[in-house]
All heavy atoms as atom14 arrays in JSON, in Angstrom:
{
  "sequence": "HPVYFSRLGWCYGDLGVAAALWQAGCALRN",
  "atom14_mask": [
    [1, 1, 1, 1, 1, 1, 1, 1, 1, 1, 0, 0, 0, 0],
    [1, 1, 1, 1, 1, 1, 1, 0, 0, 0, 0, 0, 0, 0],
    [1, 1, 1, 1, 1, 1, 1, 0, 0, 0, 0, 0, 0, 0],
    [1, 1, 1, 1, 1, 1, 1, 1, 1, 1, 1, 1, 0, 0],
    [1, 1, 1, 1, 1, 1, 1, 1, 1, 1, 1, 0, 0, 0],
    [1, 1, 1, 1, 1, 1, 0, 0, 0, 0, 0, 0, 0, 0],
    [1, 1, 1, 1, 1, 1, 1, 1, 1, 1, 1, 0, 0, 0],
    [1, 1, 1, 1, 1, 1, 1, 1, 0, 0, 0, 0, 0, 0],
    [1, 1, 1, 1, 0, 0, 0, 0, 0, 0, 0, 0, 0, 0],
    [1, 1, 1, 1, 1, 1, 1, 1, 1, 1, 1, 1, 1, 1],
    [1, 1, 1, 1, 1, 1, 0, 0, 0, 0, 0, 0, 0, 0],
    [1, 1, 1, 1, 1, 1, 1, 1, 1, 1, 1, 1, 0, 0],
    [1, 1, 1, 1, 0, 0, 0, 0, 0, 0, 0, 0, 0, 0],
    [1, 1, 1, 1, 1, 1, 1, 1, 0, 0, 0, 0, 0, 0],
    [1, 1, 1, 1, 1, 1, 1, 1, 0, 0, 0, 0, 0, 0],
    [1, 1, 1, 1, 0, 0, 0, 0, 0, 0, 0, 0, 0, 0],
    [1, 1, 1, 1, 1, 1, 1, 0, 0, 0, 0, 0, 0, 0],
    [1, 1, 1, 1, 1, 0, 0, 0, 0, 0, 0, 0, 0, 0],
    [1, 1, 1, 1, 1, 0, 0, 0, 0, 0, 0, 0, 0, 0],
    [1, 1, 1, 1, 1, 0, 0, 0, 0, 0, 0, 0, 0, 0],
    [1, 1, 1, 1, 1, 1, 1, 1, 0, 0, 0, 0, 0, 0],
    [1, 1, 1, 1, 1, 1, 1, 1, 1, 1, 1, 1, 1, 1],
    [1, 1, 1, 1, 1, 1, 1, 1, 1, 0, 0, 0, 0, 0],
    [1, 1, 1, 1, 1, 0, 0, 0, 0, 0, 0, 0, 0, 0],
    [1, 1, 1, 1, 0, 0, 0, 0, 0, 0, 0, 0, 0, 0],
    [1, 1, 1, 1, 1, 1, 0, 0, 0, 0, 0, 0, 0, 0],
    [1, 1, 1, 1, 1, 0, 0, 0, 0, 0, 0, 0, 0, 0],
    [1, 1, 1, 1, 1, 1, 1, 1, 0, 0, 0, 0, 0, 0],
    [1, 1, 1, 1, 1, 1, 1, 1, 1, 1, 1, 0, 0, 0],
    [1, 1, 1, 1, 1, 1, 1, 1, 0, 0, 0, 0, 0, 0]
  ],
  "atom14_positions": [
    [[-30.9, -12.31, -8.65], [-29.67, -13.12, -8.77], [-28.53, -12.42, -8.01], [-27.56, -11.97, -8.61], [-29.28, -13.32, -10.23], [-30.37, -13.9, -11.08], [-31.26, -13.11, -11.8], [-30.74, -15.2, -11.29], [-32.1, -13.89, -12.44], [-31.81, -15.16, -12.15], [0.0, 0.0, 0.0], [0.0, 0.0, 0.0], [0.0, 0.0, 0.0], [0.0, 0.0, 0.0]],
    [[-28.65, -12.32, -6.7], [-27.65, -11.58, -5.94], [-26.29, -12.29, -5.96], [-26.2, -13.52, -5.95], [-28.23, -11.57, -4.52], [-29.14, -12.75, -4.46], [-29.71, -12.89, -5.84], [0.0, 0.0, 0.0], [0.0, 0.0, 0.0], [0.0, 0.0, 0.0], [0.0, 0.0, 0.0], [0.0, 0.0, 0.0], [0.0, 0.0, 0.0], [0.0, 0.0, 0.0]],
    [[-25.24, -11.48, -6.02], [-23.87, -12.0, -5.98], [-23.31, -11.7, -4.6], [-23.06, -10.54, -4.25], [-23.0, -11.35, -7.07], [-21.56, -11.86, -6.97], [-23.57, -11.64, -8.45], [0.0, 0.0, 0.0], [0.0, 0.0, 0.0], [0.0, 0.0, 0.0], [0.0, 0.0, 0.0], [0.0, 0.0, 0.0], [0.0, 0.0, 0.0], [0.0, 0.0, 0.0]],
    [[-23.1, -12.73, -3.82], [-22.64, -12.56, -2.44], [-21.12, -12.51, -2.33], [-20.59, -11.94, -1.38], [-23.18, -13.7, -1.57], [-24.68, -13.7, -1.45], [-25.47, -14.55, -2.23], [-25.33, -12.85, -0.56], [-26.85, -14.55, -2.13], [-26.72, -12.83, -0.45], [-27.46, -13.69, -1.24], [-28.84, -13.68, -1.14], [0.0, 0.0, 0.0], [0.0, 0.0, 0.0]],
    [[-20.44, -13.09, -3.28], [-18.97, -13.18, -3.2], [-18.32, -11.8, -3.33], [-18.79, -10.93, -4.07], [-18.45, -14.07, -4.34], [-16.95, -14.03, -4.49], [-16.14, -14.77, -3.64], [-16.35, -13.25, -5.48], [-14.75, -14.73, -3.77], [-14.97, -13.21, -5.62], [-14.17, -13.96, -4.76], [0.0, 0.0, 0.0], [0.0, 0.0, 0.0], [0.0, 0.0, 0.0]],
    [[-17.25, -11.6, -2.6], [-16.37, -10.45, -2.83], [-14.92, -10.91, -2.7], [-14.59, -11.76, -1.89], [-16.66, -9.31, -1.86], [-16.36, -9.67, -0.52], [0.0, 0.0, 0.0], [0.0, 0.0, 0.0], [0.0, 0.0, 0.0], [0.0, 0.0, 0.0], [0.0, 0.0, 0.0], [0.0, 0.0, 0.0], [0.0, 0.0, 0.0], [0.0, 0.0, 0.0]],
    [[-14.08, -10.32, -3.53], [-12.68, -10.69, -3.56], [-11.96, -10.14, -2.33], [-12.48, -9.27, -1.61], [-12.02, -10.18, -4.84], [-11.83, -8.68, -4.87], [-11.47, -8.19, -6.26], [-10.48, -9.01, -6.92], [-10.25, -8.99, -8.25], [-10.95, -8.17, -9.02], [-9.33, -9.75, -8.78], [0.0, 0.0, 0.0], [0.0, 0.0, 0.0], [0.0, 0.0, 0.0]],
    [[-10.77, -10.6, -2.13], [-9.91, -10.1, -1.06], [-8.93, -9.12, -1.67], [-8.18, -9.47, -2.59], [-9.16, -11.28, -0.43], [-8.53, -11.11, 0.95], [-9.55, -10.69, 1.98], [-7.87, -12.43, 1.37], [0.0, 0.0, 0.0], [0.0, 0.0, 0.0], [0.0, 0.0, 0.0], [0.0, 0.0, 0.0], [0.0, 0.0, 0.0], [0.0, 0.0, 0.0]],
    [[-8.94, -7.88, -1.2], [-8.04, -6.89, -1.77], [-8.39, -5.49, -1.33], [-9.32, -5.29, -0.52], [0.0, 0.0, 0.0], [0.0, 0.0, 0.0], [0.0, 0.0, 0.0], [0.0, 0.0, 0.0], [0.0, 0.0, 0.0], [0.0, 0.0, 0.0], [0.0, 0.0, 0.0], [0.0, 0.0, 0.0], [0.0, 0.0, 0.0], [0.0, 0.0, 0.0]],
    [[-7.68, -4.52, -1.88], [-7.94, -3.12, -1.55], [-9.22, -2.61, -2.19], [-10.02, -1.92, -1.56], [-6.76, -2.25, -2.01], [-7.06, -0.78, -1.96], [-7.08, 0.01, -0.84], [-7.42, 0.08, -3.06], [-7.43, 1.31, -1.18], [-7.64, 1.38, -2.54], [-7.56, -0.12, -4.43], [-8.0, 2.46, -3.34], [-7.93, 0.95, -5.24], [-8.13, 2.23, -4.7]],
    [[-9.43, -2.93, -3.45], [-10.44, -2.25, -4.25], [-11.88, -2.61, -3.87], [-12.72, -1.73, -3.67], [-10.2, -2.51, -5.74], [-10.11, -4.26, -6.18], [0.0, 0.0, 0.0], [0.0, 0.0, 0.0], [0.0, 0.0, 0.0], [0.0, 0.0, 0.0], [0.0, 0.0, 0.0], [0.0, 0.0, 0.0], [0.0, 0.0, 0.0], [0.0, 0.0, 0.0]],
    [[-12.18, -3.9, -3.78], [-13.53, -4.37, -3.48], [-13.5, -5.28, -2.26], [-12.5, -5.92, -1.97], [-14.1, -5.17, -4.67], [-14.62, -4.32, -5.8], [-13.77, -3.87, -6.8], [-15.96, -3.97, -5.88], [-14.24, -3.09, -7.85], [-16.45, -3.19, -6.92], [-15.58, -2.76, -7.91], [-16.06, -1.99, -8.93], [0.0, 0.0, 0.0], [0.0, 0.0, 0.0]],
    [[-14.63, -5.38, -1.57], [-14.78, -6.38, -0.55], [-14.52, -5.93, 0.87], [-14.46, -4.73, 1.18], [0.0, 0.0, 0.0], [0.0, 0.0, 0.0], [0.0, 0.0, 0.0], [0.0, 0.0, 0.0], [0.0, 0.0, 0.0], [0.0, 0.0, 0.0], [0.0, 0.0, 0.0], [0.0, 0.0, 0.0], [0.0, 0.0, 0.0], [0.0, 0.0, 0.0]],
    [[-14.35, -6.91, 1.74], [-14.33, -6.7, 3.18], [-13.26, -5.73, 3.66], [-13.5, -4.92, 4.57], [-14.11, -8.04, 3.89], [-15.3, -8.98, 3.79], [-16.37, -8.54, 3.33], [-15.16, -10.15, 4.17], [0.0, 0.0, 0.0], [0.0, 0.0, 0.0], [0.0, 0.0, 0.0], [0.0, 0.0, 0.0], [0.0, 0.0, 0.0], [0.0, 0.0, 0.0]],
    [[-12.06, -5.8, 3.09], [-10.96, -5.02, 3.64], [-11.16, -3.52, 3.44], [-10.92, -2.72, 4.35], [-9.63, -5.47, 3.01], [-9.21, -6.91, 3.32], [-7.92, -7.25, 2.61], [-9.07, -7.12, 4.82], [0.0, 0.0, 0.0], [0.0, 0.0, 0.0], [0.0, 0.0, 0.0], [0.0, 0.0, 0.0], [0.0, 0.0, 0.0], [0.0, 0.0, 0.0]],
    [[-11.6, -3.13, 2.26], [-11.85, -1.71, 2.01], [-13.02, -1.18, 2.81], [-12.97, -0.06, 3.34], [0.0, 0.0, 0.0], [0.0, 0.0, 0.0], [0.0, 0.0, 0.0], [0.0, 0.0, 0.0], [0.0, 0.0, 0.0], [0.0, 0.0, 0.0], [0.0, 0.0, 0.0], [0.0, 0.0, 0.0], [0.0, 0.0, 0.0], [0.0, 0.0, 0.0]],
    [[-14.08, -1.98, 2.91], [-15.24, -1.58, 3.72], [-14.82, -1.41, 5.18], [-15.17, -0.42, 5.84], [-16.36, -2.62, 3.59], [-17.44, -2.4, 4.65], [-16.99, -2.57, 2.2], [0.0, 0.0, 0.0], [0.0, 0.0, 0.0], [0.0, 0.0, 0.0], [0.0, 0.0, 0.0], [0.0, 0.0, 0.0], [0.0, 0.0, 0.0], [0.0, 0.0, 0.0]],
    [[-14.04, -2.36, 5.7], [-13.61, -2.3, 7.1], [-12.74, -1.07, 7.36], [-12.9, -0.4, 8.4], [-12.85, -3.57, 7.47], [0.0, 0.0, 0.0], [0.0, 0.0, 0.0], [0.0, 0.0, 0.0], [0.0, 0.0, 0.0], [0.0, 0.0, 0.0], [0.0, 0.0, 0.0], [0.0, 0.0, 0.0], [0.0, 0.0, 0.0], [0.0, 0.0, 0.0]],
    [[-11.83, -0.76, 6.44], [-10.98, 0.41, 6.62], [-11.81, 1.68, 6.67], [-11.57, 2.57, 7.5], [-9.96, 0.5, 5.48], [0.0, 0.0, 0.0], [0.0, 0.0, 0.0], [0.0, 0.0, 0.0], [0.0, 0.0, 0.0], [0.0, 0.0, 0.0], [0.0, 0.0, 0.0], [0.0, 0.0, 0.0], [0.0, 0.0, 0.0], [0.0, 0.0, 0.0]],
    [[-12.82, 1.79, 5.79], [-13.68, 2.98, 5.78], [-14.49, 3.08, 7.07], [-14.64, 4.17, 7.64], [-14.6, 2.94, 4.56], [0.0, 0.0, 0.0], [0.0, 0.0, 0.0], [0.0, 0.0, 0.0], [0.0, 0.0, 0.0], [0.0, 0.0, 0.0], [0.0, 0.0, 0.0], [0.0, 0.0, 0.0], [0.0, 0.0, 0.0], [0.0, 0.0, 0.0]],
    [[-15.03, 1.97, 7.54], [-15.8, 1.98, 8.79], [-14.91, 2.38, 9.96], [-15.34, 3.13, 10.86], [-16.42, 0.61, 9.05], [-17.57, 0.19, 8.14], [-17.95, -1.26, 8.4], [-18.79, 1.1, 8.33], [0.0, 0.0, 0.0], [0.0, 0.0, 0.0], [0.0, 0.0, 0.0], [0.0, 0.0, 0.0], [0.0, 0.0, 0.0], [0.0, 0.0, 0.0]],
    [[-13.67, 1.9, 9.96], [-12.73, 2.27, 11.01], [-12.47, 3.78, 11.0], [-12.51, 4.44, 12.04], [-11.43, 1.5, 10.84], [-10.35, 1.93, 11.78], [-9.33, 2.82, 11.55], [-10.2, 1.52, 13.15], [-8.55, 2.99, 12.66], [-9.07, 2.2, 13.67], [-10.91, 0.64, 13.98], [-8.63, 2.02, 14.97], [-10.47, 0.47, 15.28], [-9.35, 1.15, 15.77]],
    [[-12.21, 4.31, 9.82], [-11.93, 5.75, 9.71], [-13.12, 6.58, 10.15], [-12.97, 7.58, 10.86], [-11.53, 6.07, 8.27], [-10.2, 5.47, 7.85], [-9.99, 5.47, 6.35], [-10.91, 5.72, 5.58], [-8.78, 5.17, 5.93], [0.0, 0.0, 0.0], [0.0, 0.0, 0.0], [0.0, 0.0, 0.0], [0.0, 0.0, 0.0], [0.0, 0.0, 0.0]],
    [[-14.31, 6.18, 9.72], [-15.51, 6.91, 10.11], [-15.75, 6.81, 11.61], [-16.13, 7.8, 12.26], [-16.72, 6.38, 9.35], [0.0, 0.0, 0.0], [0.0, 0.0, 0.0], [0.0, 0.0, 0.0], [0.0, 0.0, 0.0], [0.0, 0.0, 0.0], [0.0, 0.0, 0.0], [0.0, 0.0, 0.0], [0.0, 0.0, 0.0], [0.0, 0.0, 0.0]],
    [[-15.54, 5.62, 12.17], [-15.72, 5.44, 13.6], [-14.78, 6.31, 14.4], [-15.18, 6.9, 15.43], [0.0, 0.0, 0.0], [0.0, 0.0, 0.0], [0.0, 0.0, 0.0], [0.0, 0.0, 0.0], [0.0, 0.0, 0.0], [0.0, 0.0, 0.0], [0.0, 0.0, 0.0], [0.0, 0.0, 0.0], [0.0, 0.0, 0.0], [0.0, 0.0, 0.0]],
    [[-13.54, 6.42, 13.95], [-12.57, 7.28, 14.64], [-12.96, 8.75, 14.49], [-12.87, 9.53, 15.45], [-11.17, 7.04, 14.09], [-10.49, 5.4, 14.47], [0.0, 0.0, 0.0], [0.0, 0.0, 0.0], [0.0, 0.0, 0.0], [0.0, 0.0, 0.0], [0.0, 0.0, 0.0], [0.0, 0.0, 0.0], [0.0, 0.0, 0.0], [0.0, 0.0, 0.0]],
    [[-13.36, 9.16, 13.28], [-13.66, 10.57, 13.02], [-14.93, 11.02, 13.74], [-14.98, 12.14, 14.26], [-13.79, 10.8, 11.52], [0.0, 0.0, 0.0], [0.0, 0.0, 0.0], [0.0, 0.0, 0.0], [0.0, 0.0, 0.0], [0.0, 0.0, 0.0], [0.0, 0.0, 0.0], [0.0, 0.0, 0.0], [0.0, 0.0, 0.0], [0.0, 0.0, 0.0]],
    [[-15.95, 10.17, 13.76], [-17.24, 10.55, 14.36], [-17.43, 9.93, 15.74], [-18.51, 10.03, 16.32], [-18.4, 10.13, 13.44], [-18.79, 11.12, 12.33], [-17.67, 11.3, 11.32], [-20.07, 10.67, 11.63], [0.0, 0.0, 0.0], [0.0, 0.0, 0.0], [0.0, 0.0, 0.0], [0.0, 0.0, 0.0], [0.0, 0.0, 0.0], [0.0, 0.0, 0.0]],
    [[-16.39, 9.28, 16.24], [-16.41, 8.67, 17.57], [-17.58, 7.7, 17.72], [-18.34, 7.73, 18.7], [-16.46, 9.74, 18.66], [-15.24, 10.66, 18.61], [-15.28, 11.73, 19.67], [-14.1, 12.61, 19.56], [-13.89, 13.66, 20.33], [-14.76, 13.97, 21.28], [-12.81, 14.4, 20.17], [0.0, 0.0, 0.0], [0.0, 0.0, 0.0], [0.0, 0.0, 0.0]],
    [[-17.68, 6.81, 16.74], [-18.74, 5.81, 16.73], [-18.1, 4.44, 17.01], [-17.5, 3.83, 16.13], [-19.46, 5.81, 15.38], [-20.68, 4.9, 15.37], [-20.61, 3.73, 15.72], [-21.82, 5.44, 14.94], [0.0, 0.0, 0.0], [0.0, 0.0, 0.0], [0.0, 0.0, 0.0], [0.0, 0.0, 0.0], [0.0, 0.0, 0.0], [0.0, 0.0, 0.0]]
  ]
}
């Protein structure tokens, strides 16, 4: 019973994941 929905905000969902990927990409030059 997978839950695909994620809220919009800092804590959960796309925005926080994107910020982390951005930071990692900058730090590791990915």
